[in-house]
């Protein structure tokens, strides 16, 4: 797979992830959010054994969605949550 094709596939996963976040926090369309998040997971699964970089990229997005963002109660906006996580990591490193 060429680097351009790989980048396009990463972009597609990232866009679905962002659409899931916007549906969850922006419009409150939880069914659409779940559908978009499942698309990311399905895309990642399709790369298992074919392209480990794309597979793990999708897995990391899925973990961020289901294992971290969805389990917290502080905010429904993913970008705000992500900035808070980065600040916590910086504080811990200092």
C-alpha atoms as a PDB file:
ATOM      1  CA  UNK A   1       0.000   0.000   0.000  1.00  0.00           C
ATOM      2  CA  UNK A   2       1.397   3.383  -0.934  1.00  0.00           C
ATOM      3  CA  UNK A   3       1.834   6.082   1.720  1.00  0.00           C
ATOM      4  CA  UNK A   4      -0.818   8.216   0.002  1.00  0.00           C
ATOM      5  CA  UNK A   5      -3.390   5.417   0.130  1.00  0.00           C
ATOM      6  CA  UNK A   6      -2.536   4.679   3.775  1.00  0.00           C
ATOM      7  CA  UNK A   7      -2.922   8.362   4.684  1.00  0.00           C
ATOM      8  CA  UNK A   8      -6.297   8.485   2.924  1.00  0.00           C
ATOM      9  CA  UNK A   9      -7.485   5.463   4.881  1.00  0.00           C
ATOM     10  CA  UNK A  10      -6.307   7.058   8.147  1.00  0.00           C
ATOM     11  CA  UNK A  11      -8.135  10.229   7.168  1.00  0.00           C
ATOM     12  CA  UNK A  12     -11.325   8.233   6.580  1.00  0.00           C
ATOM     13  CA  UNK A  13     -11.076   6.649  10.033  1.00  0.00           C
ATOM     14  CA  UNK A  14     -10.303   9.998  11.663  1.00  0.00           C
ATOM     15  CA  UNK A  15     -13.291  11.623   9.924  1.00  0.00           C
ATOM     16  CA  UNK A  16     -15.653   8.872  11.122  1.00  0.00           C
ATOM     17  CA  UNK A  17     -14.225   9.285  14.612  1.00  0.00           C
ATOM     18  CA  UNK A  18     -14.762  13.057  14.505  1.00  0.00           C
ATOM     19  CA  UNK A  19     -18.316  12.540  13.199  1.00  0.00           C
ATOM     20  CA  UNK A  20     -18.988  10.209  16.135  1.00  0.00           C
ATOM     21  CA  UNK A  21     -17.689  12.825  18.572  1.00  0.00           C
ATOM     22  CA  UNK A  22     -19.741  15.595  16.975  1.00  0.00           C
ATOM     23  CA  UNK A  23     -22.895  13.476  16.958  1.00  0.00           C
ATOM     24  CA  UNK A  24     -22.394  12.568  20.620  1.00  0.00           C
ATOM     25  CA  UNK A  25     -21.524  15.986  21.992  1.00  0.00           C
ATOM     26  CA  UNK A  26     -22.883  18.378  19.402  1.00  0.00           C
ATOM     27  CA  UNK A  27     -26.279  17.085  18.381  1.00  0.00           C
ATOM     28  CA  UNK A  28     -26.921  14.391  20.955  1.00  0.00           C
ATOM     29  CA  UNK A  29     -27.581  11.884  18.177  1.00  0.00           C
ATOM     30  CA  UNK A  30     -26.351   8.876  20.106  1.00  0.00           C
ATOM     31  CA  UNK A  31     -27.383   6.338  17.478  1.00  0.00           C
ATOM     32  CA  UNK A  32     -25.349   8.124  14.809  1.00  0.00           C
ATOM     33  CA  UNK A  33     -22.431   8.426  17.223  1.00  0.00           C
ATOM     34  CA  UNK A  34     -22.505   4.691  17.914  1.00  0.00           C
ATOM     35  CA  UNK A  35     -22.806   3.925  14.203  1.00  0.00           C
ATOM     36  CA  UNK A  36     -19.815   6.116  13.282  1.00  0.00           C
ATOM     37  CA  UNK A  37     -17.721   4.695  16.128  1.00  0.00           C
ATOM     38  CA  UNK A  38     -18.566   1.167  14.982  1.00  0.00           C
ATOM     39  CA  UNK A  39     -17.453   2.098  11.457  1.00  0.00           C
ATOM     40  CA  UNK A  40     -14.012   2.971  12.845  1.00  0.00           C
ATOM     41  CA  UNK A  41     -13.859  -0.348  14.644  1.00  0.00           C
ATOM     42  CA  UNK A  42     -14.959  -2.217  11.510  1.00  0.00           C
ATOM     43  CA  UNK A  43     -12.345  -0.437   9.402  1.00  0.00           C
ATOM     44  CA  UNK A  44      -9.635  -1.321  11.922  1.00  0.00           C
ATOM     45  CA  UNK A  45     -10.719  -4.954  11.925  1.00  0.00           C
ATOM     46  CA  UNK A  46     -10.546  -5.074   8.144  1.00  0.00           C
ATOM     47  CA  UNK A  47      -6.832  -4.190   8.278  1.00  0.00           C
ATOM     48  CA  UNK A  48      -5.923  -6.906  10.794  1.00  0.00           C
ATOM     49  CA  UNK A  49      -3.237  -9.075   9.240  1.00  0.00           C
ATOM     50  CA  UNK A  50      -2.993  -6.766   6.221  1.00  0.00           C
ATOM     51  CA  UNK A  51      -1.625  -3.465   7.512  1.00  0.00           C
ATOM     52  CA  UNK A  52      -0.624  -3.276  11.175  1.00  0.00           C
ATOM     53  CA  UNK A  53      -0.195   0.520  11.097  1.00  0.00           C
ATOM     54  CA  UNK A  54      -3.791   1.068   9.966  1.00  0.00           C
ATOM     55  CA  UNK A  55      -5.062  -1.649  12.289  1.00  0.00           C
ATOM     56  CA  UNK A  56      -3.460  -0.102  15.388  1.00  0.00           C
ATOM     57  CA  UNK A  57      -4.447   3.414  14.354  1.00  0.00           C
ATOM     58  CA  UNK A  58      -8.087   2.312  14.265  1.00  0.00           C
ATOM     59  CA  UNK A  59      -7.732   0.395  17.519  1.00  0.00           C
ATOM     60  CA  UNK A  60      -6.277   3.469  19.262  1.00  0.00           C
ATOM     61  CA  UNK A  61      -9.209   5.571  18.016  1.00  0.00           C
ATOM     62  CA  UNK A  62     -11.652   2.920  19.235  1.00  0.00           C
ATOM     63  CA  UNK A  63      -9.970   2.794  22.649  1.00  0.00           C
ATOM     64  CA  UNK A  64     -10.073   6.587  22.933  1.00  0.00           C
ATOM     65  CA  UNK A  65     -13.788   6.526  22.087  1.00  0.00           C
ATOM     66  CA  UNK A  66     -15.054   3.574  24.083  1.00  0.00           C
ATOM     67  CA  UNK A  67     -12.481   3.067  26.767  1.00  0.00           C
ATOM     68  CA  UNK A  68     -11.827   6.641  27.798  1.00  0.00           C
ATOM     69  CA  UNK A  69     -14.171   9.306  26.393  1.00  0.00           C
ATOM     70  CA  UNK A  70     -17.429   7.402  26.851  1.00  0.00           C
ATOM     71  CA  UNK A  71     -16.614   6.363  30.435  1.00  0.00           C
ATOM     72  CA  UNK A  72     -15.952   9.830  31.802  1.00  0.00           C
ATOM     73  CA  UNK A  73     -18.653  12.206  33.045  1.00  0.00           C
ATOM     74  CA  UNK A  74     -16.910  15.573  32.825  1.00  0.00           C
ATOM     75  CA  UNK A  75     -17.747  16.649  29.294  1.00  0.00           C
ATOM     76  CA  UNK A  76     -19.604  15.502  26.193  1.00  0.00           C
ATOM     77  CA  UNK A  77     -17.283  17.454  23.888  1.00  0.00           C
ATOM     78  CA  UNK A  78     -14.395  15.272  22.736  1.00  0.00           C
ATOM     79  CA  UNK A  79     -12.018  18.137  21.900  1.00  0.00           C
ATOM     80  CA  UNK A  80     -12.445  19.674  25.357  1.00  0.00           C
ATOM     81  CA  UNK A  81     -11.911  16.266  26.933  1.00  0.00           C
ATOM     82  CA  UNK A  82      -8.781  15.622  24.832  1.00  0.00           C
ATOM     83  CA  UNK A  83      -7.243  18.963  25.823  1.00  0.00           C
ATOM     84  CA  UNK A  84      -7.913  18.141  29.471  1.00  0.00           C
ATOM     85  CA  UNK A  85      -6.215  14.771  29.047  1.00  0.00           C
ATOM     86  CA  UNK A  86      -3.165  16.435  27.474  1.00  0.00           C
ATOM     87  CA  UNK A  87      -2.972  18.952  30.324  1.00  0.00           C
ATOM     88  CA  UNK A  88      -3.162  16.136  32.886  1.00  0.00           C
ATOM     89  CA  UNK A  89      -0.316  14.321  31.138  1.00  0.00           C
ATOM     90  CA  UNK A  90       1.809  17.476  31.113  1.00  0.00           C
ATOM     91  CA  UNK A  91       1.173  18.067  34.803  1.00  0.00           C
ATOM     92  CA  UNK A  92       2.118  14.487  35.588  1.00  0.00           C
ATOM     93  CA  UNK A  93       5.333  14.784  33.580  1.00  0.00           C
ATOM     94  CA  UNK A  94       6.411  18.009  35.313  1.00  0.00           C
END
